[in-house]
Amino acid sequence: MSGSEKATVAVRSLARQIAANENDVPTSQATGEPYRNVYNALSQTHLPTLAAAGIIIYDPKRQKVSAGANLDAASIIIEMTTPTVQLLFDEKEHATEDTIIGD
Protein backbone atom coordinates (compact mmCIF):
# COMPACT_ATOMS: atom_id res chain seq x y z
CA MET A 1 0.00 0.00 0.00
CA SER A 2 1.43 3.37 -0.94
CA GLY A 3 1.56 6.33 1.43
CA SER A 4 -1.36 7.98 -0.34
CA GLU A 5 -3.65 4.96 0.18
CA LYS A 6 -5.50 4.75 3.47
CA ALA A 7 -6.55 1.60 5.24
CA THR A 8 -10.32 1.27 5.22
CA VAL A 9 -12.71 -0.67 7.38
CA ALA A 10 -16.13 -1.84 6.27
CA VAL A 11 -18.95 -0.52 8.43
CA ARG A 12 -20.31 -4.08 8.66
CA SER A 13 -17.03 -5.31 10.16
CA LEU A 14 -16.90 -2.38 12.57
CA ALA A 15 -20.51 -2.96 13.65
CA ARG A 16 -19.90 -6.68 14.14
CA GLN A 17 -16.83 -6.01 16.33
CA ILE A 18 -18.65 -3.42 18.45
CA ALA A 19 -21.70 -5.68 18.87
CA ALA A 20 -19.40 -8.53 19.90
CA ASN A 21 -17.65 -6.35 22.48
CA GLU A 22 -20.91 -4.95 23.86
CA ASN A 23 -22.47 -8.40 24.18
CA ASP A 24 -19.32 -10.26 25.25
CA VAL A 25 -19.54 -12.79 22.42
CA PRO A 26 -17.19 -13.79 19.59
CA THR A 27 -17.56 -11.71 16.42
CA SER A 28 -18.97 -14.75 14.63
CA GLN A 29 -21.91 -14.66 17.06
CA ALA A 30 -22.52 -10.91 16.86
CA THR A 31 -25.62 -11.14 14.70
CA GLY A 32 -29.31 -10.34 14.74
CA GLU A 33 -30.81 -7.40 16.56
CA PRO A 34 -27.68 -6.40 18.55
CA TYR A 35 -25.69 -6.20 15.30
CA ARG A 36 -28.46 -4.28 13.48
CA ASN A 37 -28.79 -1.80 16.34
CA VAL A 38 -25.06 -1.05 16.29
CA TYR A 39 -24.95 -0.89 12.49
CA ASN A 40 -27.85 1.57 12.36
CA ALA A 41 -26.44 3.75 15.14
CA LEU A 42 -23.07 3.88 13.41
CA SER A 43 -24.47 4.63 9.96
CA GLN A 44 -27.08 7.15 11.03
CA THR A 45 -25.38 8.98 13.90
CA HIS A 46 -21.87 8.16 15.05
CA LEU A 47 -19.95 7.89 11.77
CA PRO A 48 -21.42 11.09 10.25
CA THR A 49 -20.63 12.95 13.50
CA LEU A 50 -17.03 11.69 13.59
CA ALA A 51 -16.65 12.52 9.90
CA ALA A 52 -17.93 16.06 10.45
CA ALA A 53 -15.23 16.51 13.12
CA GLY A 54 -12.55 15.24 10.73
CA ILE A 55 -11.76 12.26 12.96
CA ILE A 56 -12.69 9.75 10.27
CA ILE A 57 -13.52 9.75 6.59
CA TYR A 58 -16.87 8.04 6.10
CA ASP A 59 -18.10 6.99 2.68
CA PRO A 60 -21.80 6.18 3.18
CA LYS A 61 -22.22 4.90 -0.39
CA ARG A 62 -19.40 2.37 -0.13
CA GLN A 63 -19.99 1.86 3.63
CA LYS A 64 -16.28 2.31 4.36
CA VAL A 65 -14.41 4.20 7.08
CA SER A 66 -10.81 5.41 7.12
CA ALA A 67 -8.68 7.65 9.32
CA GLY A 68 -9.34 11.37 9.11
CA ALA A 69 -6.96 14.27 9.61
CA ASN A 70 -7.97 14.68 13.27
CA LEU A 71 -7.77 11.02 14.32
CA ASP A 72 -4.40 11.35 16.06
CA ALA A 73 -5.54 14.42 18.01
CA ALA A 74 -8.76 12.67 19.06
CA SER A 75 -6.77 9.63 20.16
CA ILE A 76 -4.49 11.77 22.32
CA ILE A 77 -7.45 13.56 23.90
CA ILE A 78 -9.13 10.24 24.71
CA GLU A 79 -5.92 8.85 26.23
CA MET A 80 -5.42 11.96 28.35
CA THR A 81 -8.99 12.29 29.59
CA THR A 82 -9.89 8.63 30.17
CA PRO A 83 -8.27 8.50 33.65
CA THR A 84 -10.14 11.67 34.67
CA VAL A 85 -13.47 10.37 33.42
CA GLN A 86 -12.89 7.05 35.17
CA LEU A 87 -12.05 8.86 38.41
CA LEU A 88 -15.24 10.92 38.19
CA PHE A 89 -17.36 7.80 37.64
CA ASP A 90 -15.61 6.05 40.53
CA GLU A 91 -16.30 9.04 42.79
CA LYS A 92 -19.94 9.10 41.68
CA GLU A 93 -20.26 5.39 42.56
CA HIS A 94 -18.74 5.96 46.01
CA ALA A 95 -21.06 8.91 46.65
CA THR A 96 -24.07 6.76 45.73
CA GLU A 97 -22.86 3.93 47.98
CA ASP A 98 -22.33 6.38 50.86
CA THR A 99 -25.86 7.72 50.42
CA ILE A 100 -27.35 4.22 50.44
CA ILE A 101 -25.27 3.15 53.46
CA GLY A 102 -26.07 6.38 55.32
CA ASP A 103 -29.85 5.93 54.97
PDB file of N, CA and C in Angstrom:
ATOM      1  N   MET A   1       0.855  -1.183   0.000  1.00  0.00           N
ATOM      2  CA  MET A   1       0.000   0.000   0.000  1.00  0.00           C
ATOM      3  C   MET A   1       0.892   1.234   0.000  1.00  0.00           C
ATOM      4  N   SER A   2       0.622   2.157  -0.872  1.00  0.00           N
ATOM      5  CA  SER A   2       1.426   3.374  -0.942  1.00  0.00           C
ATOM      6  C   SER A   2       1.018   4.339   0.153  1.00  0.00           C
ATOM      7  N   GLY A   3       1.833   5.359   0.376  1.00  0.00           N
ATOM      8  CA  GLY A   3       1.562   6.325   1.431  1.00  0.00           C
ATOM      9  C   GLY A   3       0.284   7.107   1.212  1.00  0.00           C
ATOM     10  N   SER A   4      -0.151   7.214  -0.070  1.00  0.00           N
ATOM     11  CA  SER A   4      -1.362   7.981  -0.338  1.00  0.00           C
ATOM     12  C   SER A   4      -2.627   7.156  -0.109  1.00  0.00           C
ATOM     13  N   GLU A   5      -2.498   5.819  -0.073  1.00  0.00           N
ATOM     14  CA  GLU A   5      -3.651   4.962   0.184  1.00  0.00           C
ATOM     15  C   GLU A   5      -3.893   4.888   1.693  1.00  0.00           C
ATOM     16  N   LYS A   6      -5.155   4.854   2.055  1.00  0.00           N
ATOM     17  CA  LYS A   6      -5.503   4.749   3.467  1.00  0.00           C
ATOM     18  C   LYS A   6      -6.180   3.409   3.711  1.00  0.00           C
ATOM     19  N   ALA A   7      -5.867   2.825   4.849  1.00  0.00           N
ATOM     20  CA  ALA A   7      -6.551   1.600   5.238  1.00  0.00           C
ATOM     21  C   ALA A   7      -8.017   1.929   5.477  1.00  0.00           C
ATOM     22  N   THR A   8      -8.889   1.068   5.006  1.00  0.00           N
ATOM     23  CA  THR A   8     -10.320   1.274   5.218  1.00  0.00           C
ATOM     24  C   THR A   8     -10.898   0.089   5.969  1.00  0.00           C
ATOM     25  N   VAL A   9     -11.992   0.361   6.639  1.00  0.00           N
ATOM     26  CA  VAL A   9     -12.709  -0.669   7.380  1.00  0.00           C
ATOM     27  C   VAL A   9     -14.159  -0.619   6.902  1.00  0.00           C
ATOM     28  N   ALA A  10     -14.717  -1.771   6.642  1.00  0.00           N
ATOM     29  CA  ALA A  10     -16.126  -1.844   6.270  1.00  0.00           C
ATOM     30  C   ALA A  10     -16.987  -1.577   7.499  1.00  0.00           C
ATOM     31  N   VAL A  11     -18.057  -0.826   7.310  1.00  0.00           N
ATOM     32  CA  VAL A  11     -18.952  -0.520   8.430  1.00  0.00           C
ATOM     33  C   VAL A  11     -19.524  -1.809   9.006  1.00  0.00           C
ATOM     34  N   ARG A  12     -19.790  -2.792   8.166  1.00  0.00           N
ATOM     35  CA  ARG A  12     -20.312  -4.075   8.661  1.00  0.00           C
ATOM     36  C   ARG A  12     -19.324  -4.729   9.634  1.00  0.00           C
ATOM     37  N   SER A  13     -18.040  -4.714   9.278  1.00  0.00           N
ATOM     38  CA  SER A  13     -17.025  -5.308  10.160  1.00  0.00           C
ATOM     39  C   SER A  13     -16.931  -4.541  11.473  1.00  0.00           C
ATOM     40  N   LEU A  14     -16.961  -3.231  11.379  1.00  0.00           N
ATOM     41  CA  LEU A  14     -16.905  -2.384  12.570  1.00  0.00           C
ATOM     42  C   LEU A  14     -18.110  -2.645  13.470  1.00  0.00           C
ATOM     43  N   ALA A  15     -19.293  -2.710  12.878  1.00  0.00           N
ATOM     44  CA  ALA A  15     -20.511  -2.964  13.655  1.00  0.00           C
ATOM     45  C   ALA A  15     -20.468  -4.333  14.314  1.00  0.00           C
ATOM     46  N   ARG A  16     -19.969  -5.330  13.588  1.00  0.00           N
ATOM     47  CA  ARG A  16     -19.899  -6.684  14.143  1.00  0.00           C
ATOM     48  C   ARG A  16     -18.945  -6.718  15.340  1.00  0.00           C
ATOM     49  N   GLN A  17     -17.794  -6.037  15.229  1.00  0.00           N
ATOM     50  CA  GLN A  17     -16.828  -6.012  16.326  1.00  0.00           C
ATOM     51  C   GLN A  17     -17.398  -5.294  17.552  1.00  0.00           C
ATOM     52  N   ILE A  18     -18.053  -4.175  17.330  1.00  0.00           N
ATOM     53  CA  ILE A  18     -18.645  -3.422  18.446  1.00  0.00           C
ATOM     54  C   ILE A  18     -19.752  -4.243  19.104  1.00  0.00           C
ATOM     55  N   ALA A  19     -20.624  -4.859  18.305  1.00  0.00           N
ATOM     56  CA  ALA A  19     -21.704  -5.684  18.868  1.00  0.00           C
ATOM     57  C   ALA A  19     -21.127  -6.847  19.668  1.00  0.00           C
ATOM     58  N   ALA A  20     -20.047  -7.432  19.176  1.00  0.00           N
ATOM     59  CA  ALA A  20     -19.403  -8.533  19.905  1.00  0.00           C
ATOM     60  C   ALA A  20     -18.860  -8.042  21.243  1.00  0.00           C
ATOM     61  N   ASN A  21     -18.188  -6.900  21.226  1.00  0.00           N
ATOM     62  CA  ASN A  21     -17.647  -6.351  22.478  1.00  0.00           C
ATOM     63  C   ASN A  21     -18.757  -5.993  23.458  1.00  0.00           C
ATOM     64  N   GLU A  22     -19.816  -5.363  22.980  1.00  0.00           N
ATOM     65  CA  GLU A  22     -20.908  -4.950  23.863  1.00  0.00           C
ATOM     66  C   GLU A  22     -21.648  -6.137  24.468  1.00  0.00           C
ATOM     67  N   ASN A  23     -21.701  -7.244  23.722  1.00  0.00           N
ATOM     68  CA  ASN A  23     -22.466  -8.402  24.179  1.00  0.00           C
ATOM     69  C   ASN A  23     -21.583  -9.538  24.678  1.00  0.00           C
ATOM     70  N   ASP A  24     -20.280  -9.283  24.745  1.00  0.00           N
ATOM     71  CA  ASP A  24     -19.315 -10.260  25.253  1.00  0.00           C
ATOM     72  C   ASP A  24     -19.452 -11.618  24.564  1.00  0.00           C
ATOM     73  N   VAL A  25     -19.471 -11.575  23.227  1.00  0.00           N
ATOM     74  CA  VAL A  25     -19.540 -12.793  22.422  1.00  0.00           C
ATOM     75  C   VAL A  25     -18.479 -12.712  21.328  1.00  0.00           C
ATOM     76  N   PRO A  26     -18.112 -13.833  20.732  1.00  0.00           N
ATOM     77  CA  PRO A  26     -17.187 -13.788  19.590  1.00  0.00           C
ATOM     78  C   PRO A  26     -17.832 -13.038  18.420  1.00  0.00           C
ATOM     79  N   THR A  27     -17.016 -12.461  17.556  1.00  0.00           N
ATOM     80  CA  THR A  27     -17.563 -11.706  16.422  1.00  0.00           C
ATOM     81  C   THR A  27     -18.444 -12.585  15.537  1.00  0.00           C
ATOM     82  N   SER A  28     -18.154 -13.854  15.455  1.00  0.00           N
ATOM     83  CA  SER A  28     -18.969 -14.751  14.627  1.00  0.00           C
ATOM     84  C   SER A  28     -20.394 -14.891  15.167  1.00  0.00           C
ATOM     85  N   GLN A  29     -20.583 -14.569  16.454  1.00  0.00           N
ATOM     86  CA  GLN A  29     -21.911 -14.661  17.064  1.00  0.00           C
ATOM     87  C   GLN A  29     -22.587 -13.305  17.222  1.00  0.00           C
ATOM     88  N   ALA A  30     -21.942 -12.256  16.766  1.00  0.00           N
ATOM     89  CA  ALA A  30     -22.521 -10.908  16.860  1.00  0.00           C
ATOM     90  C   ALA A  30     -23.439 -10.698  15.665  1.00  0.00           C
ATOM     91  N   THR A  31     -24.661 -11.172  15.800  1.00  0.00           N
ATOM     92  CA  THR A  31     -25.621 -11.136  14.701  1.00  0.00           C
ATOM     93  C   THR A  31     -26.968 -10.658  15.216  1.00  0.00           C
ATOM     94  N   GLY A  32     -27.937 -10.644  14.344  1.00  0.00           N
ATOM     95  CA  GLY A  32     -29.308 -10.342  14.740  1.00  0.00           C
ATOM     96  C   GLY A  32     -29.506  -8.912  15.184  1.00  0.00           C
ATOM     97  N   GLU A  33     -30.422  -8.743  16.105  1.00  0.00           N
ATOM     98  CA  GLU A  33     -30.806  -7.404  16.561  1.00  0.00           C
ATOM     99  C   GLU A  33     -29.655  -6.606  17.165  1.00  0.00           C
ATOM    100  N   PRO A  34     -28.791  -7.196  18.021  1.00  0.00           N
ATOM    101  CA  PRO A  34     -27.676  -6.403  18.549  1.00  0.00           C
ATOM    102  C   PRO A  34     -26.787  -5.832  17.433  1.00  0.00           C
ATOM    103  N   TYR A  35     -26.499  -6.655  16.431  1.00  0.00           N
ATOM    104  CA  TYR A  35     -25.690  -6.196  15.302  1.00  0.00           C
ATOM    105  C   TYR A  35     -26.420  -5.092  14.539  1.00  0.00           C
ATOM    106  N   ARG A  36     -27.695  -5.288  14.238  1.00  0.00           N
ATOM    107  CA  ARG A  36     -28.465  -4.284  13.483  1.00  0.00           C
ATOM    108  C   ARG A  36     -28.541  -2.964  14.236  1.00  0.00           C
ATOM    109  N   ASN A  37     -28.723  -3.029  15.551  1.00  0.00           N
ATOM    110  CA  ASN A  37     -28.789  -1.797  16.343  1.00  0.00           C
ATOM    111  C   ASN A  37     -27.484  -1.013  16.259  1.00  0.00           C
ATOM    112  N   VAL A  38     -26.364  -1.709  16.379  1.00  0.00           N
ATOM    113  CA  VAL A  38     -25.061  -1.053  16.289  1.00  0.00           C
ATOM    114  C   VAL A  38     -24.841  -0.496  14.888  1.00  0.00           C
ATOM    115  N   TYR A  39     -25.134  -1.305  13.877  1.00  0.00           N
ATOM    116  CA  TYR A  39     -24.948  -0.888  12.489  1.00  0.00           C
ATOM    117  C   TYR A  39     -25.750   0.384  12.195  1.00  0.00           C
ATOM    118  N   ASN A  40     -27.005   0.401  12.606  1.00  0.00           N
ATOM    119  CA  ASN A  40     -27.852   1.570  12.363  1.00  0.00           C
ATOM    120  C   ASN A  40     -27.354   2.799  13.110  1.00  0.00           C
ATOM    121  N   ALA A  41     -26.954   2.617  14.364  1.00  0.00           N
ATOM    122  CA  ALA A  41     -26.437   3.747  15.145  1.00  0.00           C
ATOM    123  C   ALA A  41     -25.161   4.310  14.519  1.00  0.00           C
ATOM    124  N   LEU A  42     -24.289   3.420  14.068  1.00  0.00           N
ATOM    125  CA  LEU A  42     -23.067   3.875  13.414  1.00  0.00           C
ATOM    126  C   LEU A  42     -23.392   4.646  12.145  1.00  0.00           C
ATOM    127  N   SER A  43     -24.185   4.049  11.279  1.00  0.00           N
ATOM    128  CA  SER A  43     -24.473   4.629   9.964  1.00  0.00           C
ATOM    129  C   SER A  43     -25.254   5.933  10.046  1.00  0.00           C
ATOM    130  N   GLN A  44     -26.191   6.006  10.967  1.00  0.00           N
ATOM    131  CA  GLN A  44     -27.082   7.155  11.028  1.00  0.00           C
ATOM    132  C   GLN A  44     -26.588   8.284  11.923  1.00  0.00           C
ATOM    133  N   THR A  45     -25.765   7.968  12.918  1.00  0.00           N
ATOM    134  CA  THR A  45     -25.385   8.981  13.900  1.00  0.00           C
ATOM    135  C   THR A  45     -23.877   9.105  14.089  1.00  0.00           C
ATOM    136  N   HIS A  46     -23.255   8.062  14.586  1.00  0.00           N
ATOM    137  CA  HIS A  46     -21.872   8.163  15.050  1.00  0.00           C
ATOM    138  C   HIS A  46     -20.865   8.439  13.938  1.00  0.00           C
ATOM    139  N   LEU A  47     -20.935   7.702  12.845  1.00  0.00           N
ATOM    140  CA  LEU A  47     -19.955   7.895  11.774  1.00  0.00           C
ATOM    141  C   LEU A  47     -20.089   9.263  11.103  1.00  0.00           C
ATOM    142  N   PRO A  48     -21.314   9.734  10.799  1.00  0.00           N
ATOM    143  CA  PRO A  48     -21.416  11.091  10.247  1.00  0.00           C
ATOM    144  C   PRO A  48     -20.892  12.173  11.208  1.00  0.00           C
ATOM    145  N   THR A  49     -21.112  11.979  12.504  1.00  0.00           N
ATOM    146  CA  THR A  49     -20.626  12.946  13.496  1.00  0.00           C
ATOM    147  C   THR A  49     -19.104  12.952  13.546  1.00  0.00           C
ATOM    148  N   LEU A  50     -18.498  11.779  13.578  1.00  0.00           N
ATOM    149  CA  LEU A  50     -17.035  11.686  13.594  1.00  0.00           C
ATOM    150  C   LEU A  50     -16.439  12.227  12.300  1.00  0.00           C
ATOM    151  N   ALA A  51     -17.121  11.998  11.183  1.00  0.00           N
ATOM    152  CA  ALA A  51     -16.647  12.519   9.899  1.00  0.00           C
ATOM    153  C   ALA A  51     -16.720  14.043   9.868  1.00  0.00           C
ATOM    154  N   ALA A  52     -17.783  14.603  10.419  1.00  0.00           N
ATOM    155  CA  ALA A  52     -17.927  16.061  10.451  1.00  0.00           C
ATOM    156  C   ALA A  52     -16.826  16.714  11.276  1.00  0.00           C
ATOM    157  N   ALA A  53     -16.316  15.989  12.275  1.00  0.00           N
ATOM    158  CA  ALA A  53     -15.235  16.507  13.119  1.00  0.00           C
ATOM    159  C   ALA A  53     -13.855  16.220  12.511  1.00  0.00           C
ATOM    160  N   GLY A  54     -13.820  15.539  11.377  1.00  0.00           N
ATOM    161  CA  GLY A  54     -12.545  15.240  10.733  1.00  0.00           C
ATOM    162  C   GLY A  54     -11.773  14.108  11.389  1.00  0.00           C
ATOM    163  N   ILE A  55     -12.421  13.366  12.263  1.00  0.00           N
ATOM    164  CA  ILE A  55     -11.755  12.263  12.959  1.00  0.00           C
ATOM    165  C   ILE A  55     -11.661  11.040  12.050  1.00  0.00           C
ATOM    166  N   ILE A  56     -12.686  10.833  11.250  1.00  0.00           N
ATOM    167  CA  ILE A  56     -12.687   9.746  10.272  1.00  0.00           C
ATOM    168  C   ILE A  56     -13.132  10.297   8.925  1.00  0.00           C
ATOM    169  N   ILE A  57     -12.933   9.493   7.903  1.00  0.00           N
ATOM    170  CA  ILE A  57     -13.520   9.749   6.594  1.00  0.00           C
ATOM    171  C   ILE A  57     -14.538   8.637   6.392  1.00  0.00           C
ATOM    172  N   TYR A  58     -15.784   9.017   6.217  1.00  0.00           N
ATOM    173  CA  TYR A  58     -16.868   8.045   6.096  1.00  0.00           C
ATOM    174  C   TYR A  58     -17.476   8.157   4.711  1.00  0.00           C
ATOM    175  N   ASP A  59     -17.485   7.056   3.997  1.00  0.00           N
ATOM    176  CA  ASP A  59     -18.097   6.991   2.679  1.00  0.00           C
ATOM    177  C   ASP A  59     -19.399   6.197   2.815  1.00  0.00           C
ATOM    178  N   PRO A  60     -20.541   6.894   2.949  1.00  0.00           N
ATOM    179  CA  PRO A  60     -21.799   6.184   3.176  1.00  0.00           C
ATOM    180  C   PRO A  60     -22.240   5.336   1.982  1.00  0.00           C
ATOM    181  N   LYS A  61     -21.833   5.696   0.781  1.00  0.00           N
ATOM    182  CA  LYS A  61     -22.224   4.903  -0.388  1.00  0.00           C
ATOM    183  C   LYS A  61     -21.485   3.572  -0.422  1.00  0.00           C
ATOM    184  N   ARG A  62     -20.208   3.590  -0.144  1.00  0.00           N
ATOM    185  CA  ARG A  62     -19.401   2.366  -0.129  1.00  0.00           C
ATOM    186  C   ARG A  62     -19.428   1.672   1.230  1.00  0.00           C
ATOM    187  N   GLN A  63     -19.949   2.371   2.260  1.00  0.00           N
ATOM    188  CA  GLN A  63     -19.988   1.858   3.629  1.00  0.00           C
ATOM    189  C   GLN A  63     -18.591   1.502   4.112  1.00  0.00           C
ATOM    190  N   LYS A  64     -17.681   2.470   3.953  1.00  0.00           N
ATOM    191  CA  LYS A  64     -16.282   2.306   4.361  1.00  0.00           C
ATOM    192  C   LYS A  64     -15.871   3.475   5.246  1.00  0.00           C
ATOM    193  N   VAL A  65     -14.925   3.195   6.153  1.00  0.00           N
ATOM    194  CA  VAL A  65     -14.407   4.201   7.078  1.00  0.00           C
ATOM    195  C   VAL A  65     -12.885   4.155   7.004  1.00  0.00           C
ATOM    196  N   SER A  66     -12.265   5.331   7.037  1.00  0.00           N
ATOM    197  CA  SER A  66     -10.809   5.408   7.115  1.00  0.00           C
ATOM    198  C   SER A  66     -10.436   6.553   8.048  1.00  0.00           C
ATOM    199  N   ALA A  67      -9.157   6.627   8.382  1.00  0.00           N
ATOM    200  CA  ALA A  67      -8.675   7.652   9.316  1.00  0.00           C
ATOM    201  C   ALA A  67      -8.818   9.041   8.711  1.00  0.00           C
ATOM    202  N   GLY A  68      -9.251   9.977   9.524  1.00  0.00           N
ATOM    203  CA  GLY A  68      -9.339  11.368   9.109  1.00  0.00           C
ATOM    204  C   GLY A  68      -8.153  12.161   9.631  1.00  0.00           C
ATOM    205  N   ALA A  69      -8.075  13.404   9.233  1.00  0.00           N
ATOM    206  CA  ALA A  69      -6.960  14.275   9.609  1.00  0.00           C
ATOM    207  C   ALA A  69      -6.857  14.475  11.120  1.00  0.00           C
ATOM    208  N   ASN A  70      -7.962  14.411  11.825  1.00  0.00           N
ATOM    209  CA  ASN A  70      -7.967  14.684  13.266  1.00  0.00           C
ATOM    210  C   ASN A  70      -7.961  13.425  14.137  1.00  0.00           C
ATOM    211  N   LEU A  71      -7.739  12.256  13.539  1.00  0.00           N
ATOM    212  CA  LEU A  71      -7.770  11.020  14.320  1.00  0.00           C
ATOM    213  C   LEU A  71      -6.694  10.985  15.400  1.00  0.00           C
ATOM    214  N   ASP A  72      -5.482  11.375  15.056  1.00  0.00           N
ATOM    215  CA  ASP A  72      -4.403  11.350  16.056  1.00  0.00           C
ATOM    216  C   ASP A  72      -4.701  12.282  17.224  1.00  0.00           C
ATOM    217  N   ALA A  73      -5.207  13.466  16.931  1.00  0.00           N
ATOM    218  CA  ALA A  73      -5.542  14.418  18.006  1.00  0.00           C
ATOM    219  C   ALA A  73      -6.650  13.861  18.894  1.00  0.00           C
ATOM    220  N   ALA A  74      -7.661  13.260  18.286  1.00  0.00           N
ATOM    221  CA  ALA A  74      -8.757  12.675  19.063  1.00  0.00           C
ATOM    222  C   ALA A  74      -8.246  11.538  19.941  1.00  0.00           C
ATOM    223  N   SER A  75      -7.345  10.739  19.399  1.00  0.00           N
ATOM    224  CA  SER A  75      -6.775   9.629  20.164  1.00  0.00           C
ATOM    225  C   SER A  75      -6.012  10.134  21.383  1.00  0.00           C
ATOM    226  N   ILE A  76      -5.243  11.185  21.199  1.00  0.00           N
ATOM    227  CA  ILE A  76      -4.491  11.771  22.319  1.00  0.00           C
ATOM    228  C   ILE A  76      -5.440  12.316  23.377  1.00  0.00           C
ATOM    229  N   ILE A  77      -6.481  12.999  22.947  1.00  0.00           N
ATOM    230  CA  ILE A  77      -7.454  13.559  23.895  1.00  0.00           C
ATOM    231  C   ILE A  77      -8.125  12.445  24.689  1.00  0.00           C
ATOM    232  N   ILE A  78      -8.490  11.371  24.020  1.00  0.00           N
ATOM    233  CA  ILE A  78      -9.127  10.243  24.711  1.00  0.00           C
ATOM    234  C   ILE A  78      -8.166   9.630  25.720  1.00  0.00           C
ATOM    235  N   GLU A  79      -6.925   9.417  25.312  1.00  0.00           N
ATOM    236  CA  GLU A  79      -5.920   8.846  26.227  1.00  0.00           C
ATOM    237  C   GLU A  79      -5.718   9.729  27.453  1.00  0.00           C
ATOM    238  N   MET A  80      -5.685  11.042  27.241  1.00  0.00           N
ATOM    239  CA  MET A  80      -5.419  11.964  28.348  1.00  0.00           C
ATOM    240  C   MET A  80      -6.605  12.103  29.276  1.00  0.00           C
ATOM    241  N   THR A  81      -7.820  12.035  28.756  1.00  0.00           N
ATOM    242  CA  THR A  81      -8.989  12.294  29.592  1.00  0.00           C
ATOM    243  C   THR A  81      -9.613  11.038  30.180  1.00  0.00           C
ATOM    244  N   THR A  82      -9.293   9.869  29.655  1.00  0.00           N
ATOM    245  CA  THR A  82      -9.892   8.632  30.168  1.00  0.00           C
ATOM    246  C   THR A  82      -9.664   8.456  31.668  1.00  0.00           C
ATOM    247  N   PRO A  83      -8.439   8.663  32.190  1.00  0.00           N
ATOM    248  CA  PRO A  83      -8.273   8.505  33.648  1.00  0.00           C
ATOM    249  C   PRO A  83      -9.145   9.472  34.449  1.00  0.00           C
ATOM    250  N   THR A  84      -9.316  10.690  33.969  1.00  0.00           N
ATOM    251  CA  THR A  84     -10.138  11.674  34.671  1.00  0.00           C
ATOM    252  C   THR A  84     -11.597  11.251  34.660  1.00  0.00           C
ATOM    253  N   VAL A  85     -12.082  10.821  33.520  1.00  0.00           N
ATOM    254  CA  VAL A  85     -13.472  10.372  33.418  1.00  0.00           C
ATOM    255  C   VAL A  85     -13.690   9.172  34.320  1.00  0.00           C
ATOM    256  N   GLN A  86     -12.758   8.227  34.317  1.00  0.00           N
ATOM    257  CA  GLN A  86     -12.889   7.047  35.170  1.00  0.00           C
ATOM    258  C   GLN A  86     -12.922   7.447  36.646  1.00  0.00           C
ATOM    259  N   LEU A  87     -12.074   8.378  37.030  1.00  0.00           N
ATOM    260  CA  LEU A  87     -12.051   8.856  38.409  1.00  0.00           C
ATOM    261  C   LEU A  87     -13.387   9.485  38.792  1.00  0.00           C
ATOM    262  N   LEU A  88     -13.952  10.288  37.905  1.00  0.00           N
ATOM    263  CA  LEU A  88     -15.241  10.921  38.187  1.00  0.00           C
ATOM    264  C   LEU A  88     -16.344   9.879  38.353  1.00  0.00           C
ATOM    265  N   PHE A  89     -16.352   8.851  37.499  1.00  0.00           N
ATOM    266  CA  PHE A  89     -17.356   7.800  37.637  1.00  0.00           C
ATOM    267  C   PHE A  89     -17.148   7.008  38.918  1.00  0.00           C
ATOM    268  N   ASP A  90     -15.890   6.752  39.282  1.00  0.00           N
ATOM    269  CA  ASP A  90     -15.611   6.048  40.529  1.00  0.00           C
ATOM    270  C   ASP A  90     -16.096   6.863  41.718  1.00  0.00           C
ATOM    271  N   GLU A  91     -15.848   8.169  41.703  1.00  0.00           N
ATOM    272  CA  GLU A  91     -16.302   9.041  42.791  1.00  0.00           C
ATOM    273  C   GLU A  91     -17.821   9.071  42.867  1.00  0.00           C
ATOM    274  N   LYS A  92     -18.476   9.089  41.716  1.00  0.00           N
ATOM    275  CA  LYS A  92     -19.937   9.095  41.684  1.00  0.00           C
ATOM    276  C   LYS A  92     -20.482   7.802  42.298  1.00  0.00           C
ATOM    277  N   GLU A  93     -19.850   6.663  41.984  1.00  0.00           N
ATOM    278  CA  GLU A  93     -20.263   5.386  42.563  1.00  0.00           C
ATOM    279  C   GLU A  93     -20.115   5.396  44.074  1.00  0.00           C
ATOM    280  N   HIS A  94     -18.977   5.913  44.568  1.00  0.00           N
ATOM    281  CA  HIS A  94     -18.745   5.962  46.009  1.00  0.00           C
ATOM    282  C   HIS A  94     -19.747   6.878  46.693  1.00  0.00           C
ATOM    283  N   ALA A  95     -20.080   7.988  46.065  1.00  0.00           N
ATOM    284  CA  ALA A  95     -21.063   8.906  46.649  1.00  0.00           C
ATOM    285  C   ALA A  95     -22.422   8.240  46.735  1.00  0.00           C
ATOM    286  N   THR A  96     -22.799   7.483  45.716  1.00  0.00           N
ATOM    287  CA  THR A  96     -24.073   6.765  45.726  1.00  0.00           C
ATOM    288  C   THR A  96     -24.060   5.692  46.808  1.00  0.00           C
ATOM    289  N   GLU A  97     -22.959   4.961  46.937  1.00  0.00           N
ATOM    290  CA  GLU A  97     -22.859   3.926  47.977  1.00  0.00           C
ATOM    291  C   GLU A  97     -22.941   4.544  49.371  1.00  0.00           C
ATOM    292  N   ASP A  98     -22.284   5.705  49.553  1.00  0.00           N
ATOM    293  CA  ASP A  98     -22.325   6.377  50.856  1.00  0.00           C
ATOM    294  C   ASP A  98     -23.748   6.812  51.196  1.00  0.00           C
ATOM    295  N   THR A  99     -24.484   7.289  50.203  1.00  0.00           N
ATOM    296  CA  THR A  99     -25.862   7.723  50.415  1.00  0.00           C
ATOM    297  C   THR A  99     -26.724   6.534  50.821  1.00  0.00           C
ATOM    298  N   ILE A 100     -26.540   5.411  50.137  1.00  0.00           N
ATOM    299  CA  ILE A 100     -27.346   4.222  50.438  1.00  0.00           C
ATOM    300  C   ILE A 100     -27.001   3.701  51.828  1.00  0.00           C
ATOM    301  N   ILE A 101     -25.723   3.645  52.160  1.00  0.00           N
ATOM    302  CA  ILE A 101     -25.273   3.149  53.462  1.00  0.00           C
ATOM    303  C   ILE A 101     -25.734   4.091  54.566  1.00  0.00           C
ATOM    304  N   GLY A 102     -25.710   5.399  54.319  1.00  0.00           N
ATOM    305  CA  GLY A 102     -26.069   6.384  55.320  1.00  0.00           C
ATOM    306  C   GLY A 102     -27.552   6.421  55.627  1.00  0.00           C
ATOM    307  N   ASP A 103     -28.393   5.883  54.745  1.00  0.00           N
ATOM    308  CA  ASP A 103     -29.853   5.929  54.968  1.00  0.00           C
ATOM    309  C   ASP A 103     -30.320   4.963  55.994  1.00  0.00           C
TER     310      ASP A 103
END
